[in-house]
Every structure is written in C-alpha cells, then in structure tokens.
Amino acid sequence: AVAARRTCPKCSRRYCYCLPLRTVGSC
C-alpha cells in the first residue's frame, strides 16, 4: 500500500515520499 502511494501512475517512478495522487493525480 505504501509502495502504491509512492509510485506515479503516469511515469511509474517510485519516490521517497507519498505522492499527492488525490489532488494532482501524478508526481
């Protein structure tokens, strides 16, 4: 679950922090 929150759905890069997927939708 944490890995899914840190992975961008557009570019598939995994970041060291949770992404704003609800508001922005990507990194």
mmCIF file of all heavy atoms, coordinates in Angstrom:
data_MODEL
# 
_entry.id   MODEL 
# 
loop_
_atom_site.group_PDB 
_atom_site.id 
_atom_site.type_symbol 
_atom_site.label_atom_id 
_atom_site.label_alt_id 
_atom_site.label_comp_id 
_atom_site.label_asym_id 
_atom_site.label_entity_id 
_atom_site.label_seq_id 
_atom_site.pdbx_PDB_ins_code 
_atom_site.Cartn_x 
_atom_site.Cartn_y 
_atom_site.Cartn_z 
_atom_site.occupancy 
_atom_site.B_iso_or_equiv 
_atom_site.pdbx_formal_charge 
_atom_site.auth_seq_id 
_atom_site.auth_comp_id 
_atom_site.auth_asym_id 
_atom_site.auth_atom_id 
_atom_site.pdbx_PDB_model_num 
ATOM 1   N N   . ALA A 1 1  ? 0.830  -1.210 0.000   1.00 0.00 ? 1  ALA A N   1 
ATOM 2   C CA  . ALA A 1 1  ? 0.000  0.000  0.000   1.00 0.00 ? 1  ALA A CA  1 
ATOM 3   C C   . ALA A 1 1  ? 0.862  1.257  0.000   1.00 0.00 ? 1  ALA A C   1 
ATOM 4   O O   . ALA A 1 1  ? 0.588  2.212  -0.726  1.00 0.00 ? 1  ALA A O   1 
ATOM 5   C CB  . ALA A 1 1  ? -0.945 -0.007 1.203   1.00 0.00 ? 1  ALA A CB  1 
ATOM 6   N N   . VAL A 1 2  ? 1.932  1.251  0.795   1.00 0.00 ? 2  VAL A N   1 
ATOM 7   C CA  . VAL A 1 2  ? 2.827  2.406  0.823   1.00 0.00 ? 2  VAL A CA  1 
ATOM 8   C C   . VAL A 1 2  ? 3.551  2.547  -0.505  1.00 0.00 ? 2  VAL A C   1 
ATOM 9   O O   . VAL A 1 2  ? 3.733  3.650  -1.019  1.00 0.00 ? 2  VAL A O   1 
ATOM 10  C CB  . VAL A 1 2  ? 3.813  2.288  2.013   1.00 0.00 ? 2  VAL A CB  1 
ATOM 11  C CG1 . VAL A 1 2  ? 4.915  3.324  1.929   1.00 0.00 ? 2  VAL A CG1 1 
ATOM 12  C CG2 . VAL A 1 2  ? 3.068  2.434  3.312   1.00 0.00 ? 2  VAL A CG2 1 
ATOM 13  N N   . ALA A 1 3  ? 3.941  1.420  -1.107  1.00 0.00 ? 3  ALA A N   1 
ATOM 14  C CA  . ALA A 1 3  ? 4.595  1.479  -2.414  1.00 0.00 ? 3  ALA A CA  1 
ATOM 15  C C   . ALA A 1 3  ? 3.659  2.039  -3.472  1.00 0.00 ? 3  ALA A C   1 
ATOM 16  O O   . ALA A 1 3  ? 4.082  2.797  -4.355  1.00 0.00 ? 3  ALA A O   1 
ATOM 17  C CB  . ALA A 1 3  ? 5.078  0.090  -2.815  1.00 0.00 ? 3  ALA A CB  1 
ATOM 18  N N   . ALA A 1 4  ? 2.381  1.711  -3.391  1.00 0.00 ? 4  ALA A N   1 
ATOM 19  C CA  . ALA A 1 4  ? 1.416  2.249  -4.351  1.00 0.00 ? 4  ALA A CA  1 
ATOM 20  C C   . ALA A 1 4  ? 1.225  3.741  -4.161  1.00 0.00 ? 4  ALA A C   1 
ATOM 21  O O   . ALA A 1 4  ? 1.027  4.472  -5.144  1.00 0.00 ? 4  ALA A O   1 
ATOM 22  C CB  . ALA A 1 4  ? 0.075  1.522  -4.209  1.00 0.00 ? 4  ALA A CB  1 
ATOM 23  N N   . ARG A 1 5  ? 1.296  4.228  -2.945  1.00 0.00 ? 5  ARG A N   1 
ATOM 24  C CA  . ARG A 1 5  ? 1.156  5.670  -2.699  1.00 0.00 ? 5  ARG A CA  1 
ATOM 25  C C   . ARG A 1 5  ? 2.387  6.442  -3.135  1.00 0.00 ? 5  ARG A C   1 
ATOM 26  O O   . ARG A 1 5  ? 2.320  7.635  -3.374  1.00 0.00 ? 5  ARG A O   1 
ATOM 27  C CB  . ARG A 1 5  ? 0.908  5.924  -1.210  1.00 0.00 ? 5  ARG A CB  1 
ATOM 28  C CG  . ARG A 1 5  ? -0.456 5.459  -0.745  1.00 0.00 ? 5  ARG A CG  1 
ATOM 29  C CD  . ARG A 1 5  ? -0.672 5.759  0.695   1.00 0.00 ? 5  ARG A CD  1 
ATOM 30  N NE  . ARG A 1 5  ? -0.656 7.200  0.919   1.00 0.00 ? 5  ARG A NE  1 
ATOM 31  C CZ  . ARG A 1 5  ? -0.535 7.758  2.116   1.00 0.00 ? 5  ARG A CZ  1 
ATOM 32  N NH1 . ARG A 1 5  ? -0.410 7.001  3.174   1.00 0.00 ? 5  ARG A NH1 1 
ATOM 33  N NH2 . ARG A 1 5  ? -0.531 9.060  2.245   1.00 0.00 ? 5  ARG A NH2 1 
ATOM 34  N N   . ARG A 1 6  ? 3.536  5.756  -3.239  1.00 0.00 ? 6  ARG A N   1 
ATOM 35  C CA  . ARG A 1 6  ? 4.775  6.422  -3.631  1.00 0.00 ? 6  ARG A CA  1 
ATOM 36  C C   . ARG A 1 6  ? 5.079  6.293  -5.116  1.00 0.00 ? 6  ARG A C   1 
ATOM 37  O O   . ARG A 1 6  ? 6.035  6.883  -5.587  1.00 0.00 ? 6  ARG A O   1 
ATOM 38  C CB  . ARG A 1 6  ? 5.942  5.837  -2.837  1.00 0.00 ? 6  ARG A CB  1 
ATOM 39  C CG  . ARG A 1 6  ? 5.878  6.143  -1.379  1.00 0.00 ? 6  ARG A CG  1 
ATOM 40  C CD  . ARG A 1 6  ? 7.025  5.525  -0.660  1.00 0.00 ? 6  ARG A CD  1 
ATOM 41  N NE  . ARG A 1 6  ? 7.054  5.952  0.736   1.00 0.00 ? 6  ARG A NE  1 
ATOM 42  C CZ  . ARG A 1 6  ? 8.031  5.694  1.554   1.00 0.00 ? 6  ARG A CZ  1 
ATOM 43  N NH1 . ARG A 1 6  ? 9.070  5.007  1.154   1.00 0.00 ? 6  ARG A NH1 1 
ATOM 44  N NH2 . ARG A 1 6  ? 7.976  6.128  2.796   1.00 0.00 ? 6  ARG A NH2 1 
ATOM 45  N N   . THR A 1 7  ? 4.313  5.519  -5.872  1.00 0.00 ? 7  THR A N   1 
ATOM 46  C CA  . THR A 1 7  ? 4.570  5.285  -7.282  1.00 0.00 ? 7  THR A CA  1 
ATOM 47  C C   . THR A 1 7  ? 3.650  6.149  -8.133  1.00 0.00 ? 7  THR A C   1 
ATOM 48  O O   . THR A 1 7  ? 2.439  6.170  -7.932  1.00 0.00 ? 7  THR A O   1 
ATOM 49  C CB  . THR A 1 7  ? 4.358  3.802  -7.629  1.00 0.00 ? 7  THR A CB  1 
ATOM 50  O OG1 . THR A 1 7  ? 5.169  3.013  -6.762  1.00 0.00 ? 7  THR A OG1 1 
ATOM 51  C CG2 . THR A 1 7  ? 4.731  3.517  -9.065  1.00 0.00 ? 7  THR A CG2 1 
ATOM 52  N N   . CYS A 1 8  ? 4.239  6.839  -9.113  1.00 0.00 ? 8  CYS A N   1 
ATOM 53  C CA  . CYS A 1 8  ? 3.466  7.693  -10.011 1.00 0.00 ? 8  CYS A CA  1 
ATOM 54  C C   . CYS A 1 8  ? 2.753  6.815  -11.038 1.00 0.00 ? 8  CYS A C   1 
ATOM 55  O O   . CYS A 1 8  ? 3.380  5.957  -11.670 1.00 0.00 ? 8  CYS A O   1 
ATOM 56  C CB  . CYS A 1 8  ? 4.393  8.682  -10.712 1.00 0.00 ? 8  CYS A CB  1 
ATOM 57  S SG  . CYS A 1 8  ? 3.539  9.717  -11.919 1.00 0.00 ? 8  CYS A SG  1 
ATOM 58  N N   . PRO A 1 9  ? 1.457  6.995  -11.258 1.00 0.00 ? 9  PRO A N   1 
ATOM 59  C CA  . PRO A 1 9  ? 0.751  6.160  -12.238 1.00 0.00 ? 9  PRO A CA  1 
ATOM 60  C C   . PRO A 1 9  ? 1.098  6.500  -13.687 1.00 0.00 ? 9  PRO A C   1 
ATOM 61  O O   . PRO A 1 9  ? 0.895  5.677  -14.577 1.00 0.00 ? 9  PRO A O   1 
ATOM 62  C CB  . PRO A 1 9  ? -0.725 6.435  -11.946 1.00 0.00 ? 9  PRO A CB  1 
ATOM 63  C CG  . PRO A 1 9  ? -0.755 7.713  -11.213 1.00 0.00 ? 9  PRO A CG  1 
ATOM 64  C CD  . PRO A 1 9  ? 0.553  7.857  -10.521 1.00 0.00 ? 9  PRO A CD  1 
ATOM 65  N N   . LYS A 1 10 ? 1.659  7.678  -13.946 1.00 0.00 ? 10 LYS A N   1 
ATOM 66  C CA  . LYS A 1 10 ? 1.973  8.081  -15.322 1.00 0.00 ? 10 LYS A CA  1 
ATOM 67  C C   . LYS A 1 10 ? 3.360  7.615  -15.751 1.00 0.00 ? 10 LYS A C   1 
ATOM 68  O O   . LYS A 1 10 ? 3.521  7.056  -16.834 1.00 0.00 ? 10 LYS A O   1 
ATOM 69  C CB  . LYS A 1 10 ? 1.855  9.591  -15.472 1.00 0.00 ? 10 LYS A CB  1 
ATOM 70  C CG  . LYS A 1 10 ? 0.429  10.078 -15.362 1.00 0.00 ? 10 LYS A CG  1 
ATOM 71  C CD  . LYS A 1 10 ? 0.340  11.558 -15.620 1.00 0.00 ? 10 LYS A CD  1 
ATOM 72  C CE  . LYS A 1 10 ? -1.107 12.029 -15.511 1.00 0.00 ? 10 LYS A CE  1 
ATOM 73  N NZ  . LYS A 1 10 ? -1.216 13.478 -15.690 1.00 0.00 ? 10 LYS A NZ  1 
ATOM 74  N N   . CYS A 1 11 ? 4.372  7.883  -14.934 1.00 0.00 ? 11 CYS A N   1 
ATOM 75  C CA  . CYS A 1 11 ? 5.749  7.560  -15.330 1.00 0.00 ? 11 CYS A CA  1 
ATOM 76  C C   . CYS A 1 11 ? 6.306  6.323  -14.628 1.00 0.00 ? 11 CYS A C   1 
ATOM 77  O O   . CYS A 1 11 ? 7.411  5.889  -14.940 1.00 0.00 ? 11 CYS A O   1 
ATOM 78  C CB  . CYS A 1 11 ? 6.661  8.753  -15.077 1.00 0.00 ? 11 CYS A CB  1 
ATOM 79  S SG  . CYS A 1 11 ? 6.825  9.201  -13.335 1.00 0.00 ? 11 CYS A SG  1 
ATOM 80  N N   . SER A 1 12 ? 5.601  5.767  -13.687 1.00 0.00 ? 12 SER A N   1 
ATOM 81  C CA  . SER A 1 12 ? 5.977  4.559  -12.939 1.00 0.00 ? 12 SER A CA  1 
ATOM 82  C C   . SER A 1 12 ? 7.261  4.720  -12.138 1.00 0.00 ? 12 SER A C   1 
ATOM 83  O O   . SER A 1 12 ? 7.946  3.746  -11.856 1.00 0.00 ? 12 SER A O   1 
ATOM 84  C CB  . SER A 1 12 ? 6.097  3.356  -13.874 1.00 0.00 ? 12 SER A CB  1 
ATOM 85  O OG  . SER A 1 12 ? 4.863  3.108  -14.494 1.00 0.00 ? 12 SER A OG  1 
ATOM 86  N N   . ARG A 1 13 ? 7.618  5.924  -11.777 1.00 0.00 ? 13 ARG A N   1 
ATOM 87  C CA  . ARG A 1 13 ? 8.770  6.145  -10.908 1.00 0.00 ? 13 ARG A CA  1 
ATOM 88  C C   . ARG A 1 13 ? 8.302  6.074  -9.456  1.00 0.00 ? 13 ARG A C   1 
ATOM 89  O O   . ARG A 1 13 ? 7.233  6.546  -9.123  1.00 0.00 ? 13 ARG A O   1 
ATOM 90  C CB  . ARG A 1 13 ? 9.391  7.516  -11.171 1.00 0.00 ? 13 ARG A CB  1 
ATOM 91  C CG  . ARG A 1 13 ? 10.094 7.630  -12.486 1.00 0.00 ? 13 ARG A CG  1 
ATOM 92  C CD  . ARG A 1 13 ? 10.802 8.976  -12.556 1.00 0.00 ? 13 ARG A CD  1 
ATOM 93  N NE  . ARG A 1 13 ? 11.345 9.195  -13.867 1.00 0.00 ? 13 ARG A NE  1 
ATOM 94  C CZ  . ARG A 1 13 ? 10.817 10.011 -14.772 1.00 0.00 ? 13 ARG A CZ  1 
ATOM 95  N NH1 . ARG A 1 13 ? 9.734  10.697 -14.486 1.00 0.00 ? 13 ARG A NH1 1 
ATOM 96  N NH2 . ARG A 1 13 ? 11.373 10.155 -15.950 1.00 0.00 ? 13 ARG A NH2 1 
ATOM 97  N N   . ARG A 1 14 ? 9.159  5.501  -8.617  1.00 0.00 ? 14 ARG A N   1 
ATOM 98  C CA  . ARG A 1 14 ? 8.836  5.422  -7.194  1.00 0.00 ? 14 ARG A CA  1 
ATOM 99  C C   . ARG A 1 14 ? 9.652  6.471  -6.454  1.00 0.00 ? 14 ARG A C   1 
ATOM 100 O O   . ARG A 1 14 ? 10.859 6.546  -6.602  1.00 0.00 ? 14 ARG A O   1 
ATOM 101 C CB  . ARG A 1 14 ? 9.139  4.045  -6.627  1.00 0.00 ? 14 ARG A CB  1 
ATOM 102 C CG  . ARG A 1 14 ? 8.726  3.954  -5.157  1.00 0.00 ? 14 ARG A CG  1 
ATOM 103 C CD  . ARG A 1 14 ? 8.960  2.637  -4.550  1.00 0.00 ? 14 ARG A CD  1 
ATOM 104 N NE  . ARG A 1 14 ? 8.054  1.674  -5.126  1.00 0.00 ? 14 ARG A NE  1 
ATOM 105 C CZ  . ARG A 1 14 ? 8.049  0.383  -4.810  1.00 0.00 ? 14 ARG A CZ  1 
ATOM 106 N NH1 . ARG A 1 14 ? 8.909  -0.079 -3.944  1.00 0.00 ? 14 ARG A NH1 1 
ATOM 107 N NH2 . ARG A 1 14 ? 7.198  -0.433 -5.370  1.00 0.00 ? 14 ARG A NH2 1 
ATOM 108 N N   . TYR A 1 15 ? 8.969  7.265  -5.646  1.00 0.00 ? 15 TYR A N   1 
ATOM 109 C CA  . TYR A 1 15 ? 9.600  8.352  -4.922  1.00 0.00 ? 15 TYR A CA  1 
ATOM 110 C C   . TYR A 1 15 ? 9.793  7.974  -3.465  1.00 0.00 ? 15 TYR A C   1 
ATOM 111 O O   . TYR A 1 15 ? 9.247  6.986  -2.989  1.00 0.00 ? 15 TYR A O   1 
ATOM 112 C CB  . TYR A 1 15 ? 8.751  9.627  -5.045  1.00 0.00 ? 15 TYR A CB  1 
ATOM 113 C CG  . TYR A 1 15 ? 8.814  10.217 -6.434  1.00 0.00 ? 15 TYR A CG  1 
ATOM 114 C CD1 . TYR A 1 15 ? 7.984  9.756  -7.442  1.00 0.00 ? 15 TYR A CD1 1 
ATOM 115 C CD2 . TYR A 1 15 ? 9.715  11.218 -6.732  1.00 0.00 ? 15 TYR A CD2 1 
ATOM 116 C CE1 . TYR A 1 15 ? 8.056  10.276 -8.717  1.00 0.00 ? 15 TYR A CE1 1 
ATOM 117 C CE2 . TYR A 1 15 ? 9.784  11.757 -8.002  1.00 0.00 ? 15 TYR A CE2 1 
ATOM 118 C CZ  . TYR A 1 15 ? 8.955  11.279 -8.992  1.00 0.00 ? 15 TYR A CZ  1 
ATOM 119 O OH  . TYR A 1 15 ? 9.046  11.795 -10.242 1.00 0.00 ? 15 TYR A OH  1 
ATOM 120 N N   . CYS A 1 16 ? 10.559 8.783  -2.743  1.00 0.00 ? 16 CYS A N   1 
ATOM 121 C CA  . CYS A 1 16 ? 10.856 8.542  -1.328  1.00 0.00 ? 16 CYS A CA  1 
ATOM 122 C C   . CYS A 1 16 ? 9.779  9.104  -0.408  1.00 0.00 ? 16 CYS A C   1 
ATOM 123 O O   . CYS A 1 16 ? 9.939  9.074  0.800   1.00 0.00 ? 16 CYS A O   1 
ATOM 124 C CB  . CYS A 1 16 ? 12.197 9.166  -0.961  1.00 0.00 ? 16 CYS A CB  1 
ATOM 125 S SG  . CYS A 1 16 ? 13.569 8.534  -1.917  1.00 0.00 ? 16 CYS A SG  1 
ATOM 126 N N   . TYR A 1 17 ? 8.712  9.642  -0.961  1.00 0.00 ? 17 TYR A N   1 
ATOM 127 C CA  . TYR A 1 17 ? 7.638  10.245 -0.181  1.00 0.00 ? 17 TYR A CA  1 
ATOM 128 C C   . TYR A 1 17 ? 6.306  9.912  -0.859  1.00 0.00 ? 17 TYR A C   1 
ATOM 129 O O   . TYR A 1 17 ? 6.273  9.515  -2.023  1.00 0.00 ? 17 TYR A O   1 
ATOM 130 C CB  . TYR A 1 17 ? 7.823  11.770 -0.086  1.00 0.00 ? 17 TYR A CB  1 
ATOM 131 C CG  . TYR A 1 17 ? 7.970  12.443 -1.425  1.00 0.00 ? 17 TYR A CG  1 
ATOM 132 C CD1 . TYR A 1 17 ? 6.856  12.898 -2.117  1.00 0.00 ? 17 TYR A CD1 1 
ATOM 133 C CD2 . TYR A 1 17 ? 9.215  12.622 -2.004  1.00 0.00 ? 17 TYR A CD2 1 
ATOM 134 C CE1 . TYR A 1 17 ? 6.987  13.505 -3.354  1.00 0.00 ? 17 TYR A CE1 1 
ATOM 135 C CE2 . TYR A 1 17 ? 9.364  13.233 -3.233  1.00 0.00 ? 17 TYR A CE2 1 
ATOM 136 C CZ  . TYR A 1 17 ? 8.248  13.668 -3.902  1.00 0.00 ? 17 TYR A CZ  1 
ATOM 137 O OH  . TYR A 1 17 ? 8.373  14.256 -5.122  1.00 0.00 ? 17 TYR A OH  1 
ATOM 138 N N   . CYS A 1 18 ? 5.229  10.044 -0.140  1.00 0.00 ? 18 CYS A N   1 
ATOM 139 C CA  . CYS A 1 18 ? 3.913  9.754  -0.695  1.00 0.00 ? 18 CYS A CA  1 
ATOM 140 C C   . CYS A 1 18 ? 3.499  10.888 -1.632  1.00 0.00 ? 18 CYS A C   1 
ATOM 141 O O   . CYS A 1 18 ? 3.673  12.062 -1.319  1.00 0.00 ? 18 CYS A O   1 
ATOM 142 C CB  . CYS A 1 18 ? 2.877  9.572  0.423   1.00 0.00 ? 18 CYS A CB  1 
ATOM 143 S SG  . CYS A 1 18 ? 3.180  8.102  1.389   1.00 0.00 ? 18 CYS A SG  1 
ATOM 144 N N   . LEU A 1 19 ? 2.937  10.523 -2.763  1.00 0.00 ? 19 LEU A N   1 
ATOM 145 C CA  . LEU A 1 19 ? 2.577  11.498 -3.791  1.00 0.00 ? 19 LEU A CA  1 
ATOM 146 C C   . LEU A 1 19 ? 1.164  12.021 -3.571  1.00 0.00 ? 19 LEU A C   1 
ATOM 147 O O   . LEU A 1 19 ? 0.310  11.310 -3.026  1.00 0.00 ? 19 LEU A O   1 
ATOM 148 C CB  . LEU A 1 19 ? 2.673  10.847 -5.173  1.00 0.00 ? 19 LEU A CB  1 
ATOM 149 C CG  . LEU A 1 19 ? 4.057  10.331 -5.554  1.00 0.00 ? 19 LEU A CG  1 
ATOM 150 C CD1 . LEU A 1 19 ? 3.986  9.568  -6.866  1.00 0.00 ? 19 LEU A CD1 1 
ATOM 151 C CD2 . LEU A 1 19 ? 5.031  11.471 -5.661  1.00 0.00 ? 19 LEU A CD2 1 
ATOM 152 N N   . PRO A 1 20 ? 0.874  13.236 -4.023  1.00 0.00 ? 20 PRO A N   1 
ATOM 153 C CA  . PRO A 1 20 ? -0.488 13.788 -3.898  1.00 0.00 ? 20 PRO A CA  1 
ATOM 154 C C   . PRO A 1 20 ? -1.401 13.244 -4.999  1.00 0.00 ? 20 PRO A C   1 
ATOM 155 O O   . PRO A 1 20 ? -1.815 13.968 -5.899  1.00 0.00 ? 20 PRO A O   1 
ATOM 156 C CB  . PRO A 1 20 ? -0.260 15.293 -4.023  1.00 0.00 ? 20 PRO A CB  1 
ATOM 157 C CG  . PRO A 1 20 ? 0.945  15.405 -4.886  1.00 0.00 ? 20 PRO A CG  1 
ATOM 158 C CD  . PRO A 1 20 ? 1.809  14.223 -4.558  1.00 0.00 ? 20 PRO A CD  1 
ATOM 159 N N   . LEU A 1 21 ? -1.713 11.963 -4.943  1.00 0.00 ? 21 LEU A N   1 
ATOM 160 C CA  . LEU A 1 21 ? -2.456 11.323 -6.027  1.00 0.00 ? 21 LEU A CA  1 
ATOM 161 C C   . LEU A 1 21 ? -3.920 11.735 -6.063  1.00 0.00 ? 21 LEU A C   1 
ATOM 162 O O   . LEU A 1 21 ? -4.542 11.718 -7.115  1.00 0.00 ? 21 LEU A O   1 
ATOM 163 C CB  . LEU A 1 21 ? -2.328 9.810  -5.918  1.00 0.00 ? 21 LEU A CB  1 
ATOM 164 C CG  . LEU A 1 21 ? -0.897 9.274  -6.060  1.00 0.00 ? 21 LEU A CG  1 
ATOM 165 C CD1 . LEU A 1 21 ? -0.875 7.767  -5.897  1.00 0.00 ? 21 LEU A CD1 1 
ATOM 166 C CD2 . LEU A 1 21 ? -0.307 9.662  -7.403  1.00 0.00 ? 21 LEU A CD2 1 
ATOM 167 N N   . ARG A 1 22 ? -4.494 12.103 -4.929  1.00 0.00 ? 22 ARG A N   1 
ATOM 168 C CA  . ARG A 1 22 ? -5.907 12.521 -4.934  1.00 0.00 ? 22 ARG A CA  1 
ATOM 169 C C   . ARG A 1 22 ? -6.088 13.914 -5.518  1.00 0.00 ? 22 ARG A C   1 
ATOM 170 O O   . ARG A 1 22 ? -7.062 14.173 -6.206  1.00 0.00 ? 22 ARG A O   1 
ATOM 171 C CB  . ARG A 1 22 ? -6.481 12.495 -3.526  1.00 0.00 ? 22 ARG A CB  1 
ATOM 172 C CG  . ARG A 1 22 ? -6.752 11.112 -3.034  1.00 0.00 ? 22 ARG A CG  1 
ATOM 173 C CD  . ARG A 1 22 ? -7.528 11.168 -1.748  1.00 0.00 ? 22 ARG A CD  1 
ATOM 174 N NE  . ARG A 1 22 ? -7.805 9.831  -1.287  1.00 0.00 ? 22 ARG A NE  1 
ATOM 175 C CZ  . ARG A 1 22 ? -8.485 9.551  -0.214  1.00 0.00 ? 22 ARG A CZ  1 
ATOM 176 N NH1 . ARG A 1 22 ? -8.966 10.527 0.526   1.00 0.00 ? 22 ARG A NH1 1 
ATOM 177 N NH2 . ARG A 1 22 ? -8.706 8.314  0.136   1.00 0.00 ? 22 ARG A NH2 1 
ATOM 178 N N   . THR A 1 23 ? -5.158 14.805 -5.226  1.00 0.00 ? 23 THR A N   1 
ATOM 179 C CA  . THR A 1 23 ? -5.319 16.186 -5.683  1.00 0.00 ? 23 THR A CA  1 
ATOM 180 C C   . THR A 1 23 ? -4.696 16.410 -7.051  1.00 0.00 ? 23 THR A C   1 
ATOM 181 O O   . THR A 1 23 ? -5.313 17.010 -7.925  1.00 0.00 ? 23 THR A O   1 
ATOM 182 C CB  . THR A 1 23 ? -4.706 17.161 -4.671  1.00 0.00 ? 23 THR A CB  1 
ATOM 183 O OG1 . THR A 1 23 ? -3.335 16.816 -4.469  1.00 0.00 ? 23 THR A OG1 1 
ATOM 184 C CG2 . THR A 1 23 ? -5.445 17.114 -3.351  1.00 0.00 ? 23 THR A CG2 1 
ATOM 185 N N   . VAL A 1 24 ? -3.464 15.936 -7.262  1.00 0.00 ? 24 VAL A N   1 
ATOM 186 C CA  . VAL A 1 24 ? -2.770 16.188 -8.521  1.00 0.00 ? 24 VAL A CA  1 
ATOM 187 C C   . VAL A 1 24 ? -2.917 15.004 -9.461  1.00 0.00 ? 24 VAL A C   1 
ATOM 188 O O   . VAL A 1 24 ? -3.076 15.177 -10.665 1.00 0.00 ? 24 VAL A O   1 
ATOM 189 C CB  . VAL A 1 24 ? -1.278 16.506 -8.249  1.00 0.00 ? 24 VAL A CB  1 
ATOM 190 C CG1 . VAL A 1 24 ? -0.522 16.750 -9.537  1.00 0.00 ? 24 VAL A CG1 1 
ATOM 191 C CG2 . VAL A 1 24 ? -1.155 17.692 -7.330  1.00 0.00 ? 24 VAL A CG2 1 
ATOM 192 N N   . GLY A 1 25 ? -2.843 13.801 -8.946  1.00 0.00 ? 25 GLY A N   1 
ATOM 193 C CA  . GLY A 1 25 ? -3.013 12.606 -9.764  1.00 0.00 ? 25 GLY A CA  1 
ATOM 194 C C   . GLY A 1 25 ? -1.716 12.025 -10.280 1.00 0.00 ? 25 GLY A C   1 
ATOM 195 O O   . GLY A 1 25 ? -1.717 10.968 -10.896 1.00 0.00 ? 25 GLY A O   1 
ATOM 196 N N   . SER A 1 26 ? -0.589 12.689 -10.051 1.00 0.00 ? 26 SER A N   1 
ATOM 197 C CA  . SER A 1 26 ? 0.701  12.188 -10.506 1.00 0.00 ? 26 SER A CA  1 
ATOM 198 C C   . SER A 1 26 ? 1.794  12.878 -9.694  1.00 0.00 ? 26 SER A C   1 
ATOM 199 O O   . SER A 1 26 ? 1.527  13.705 -8.832  1.00 0.00 ? 26 SER A O   1 
ATOM 200 C CB  . SER A 1 26 ? 0.889  12.468 -11.999 1.00 0.00 ? 26 SER A CB  1 
ATOM 201 O OG  . SER A 1 26 ? 0.898  13.862 -12.223 1.00 0.00 ? 26 SER A OG  1 
ATOM 202 N N   . CYS A 1 27 ? 3.039  12.560 -10.057 1.00 0.00 ? 27 CYS A N   1 
ATOM 203 C CA  . CYS A 1 27 ? 4.154  13.217 -9.391  1.00 0.00 ? 27 CYS A CA  1 
ATOM 204 C C   . CYS A 1 27 ? 4.289  14.638 -9.928  1.00 0.00 ? 27 CYS A C   1 
ATOM 205 O O   . CYS A 1 27 ? 3.714  14.986 -10.964 1.00 0.00 ? 27 CYS A O   1 
ATOM 206 C CB  . CYS A 1 27 ? 5.441  12.423 -9.605  1.00 0.00 ? 27 CYS A CB  1 
ATOM 207 S SG  . CYS A 1 27 ? 5.967  12.298 -11.308 1.00 0.00 ? 27 CYS A SG  1 
# 
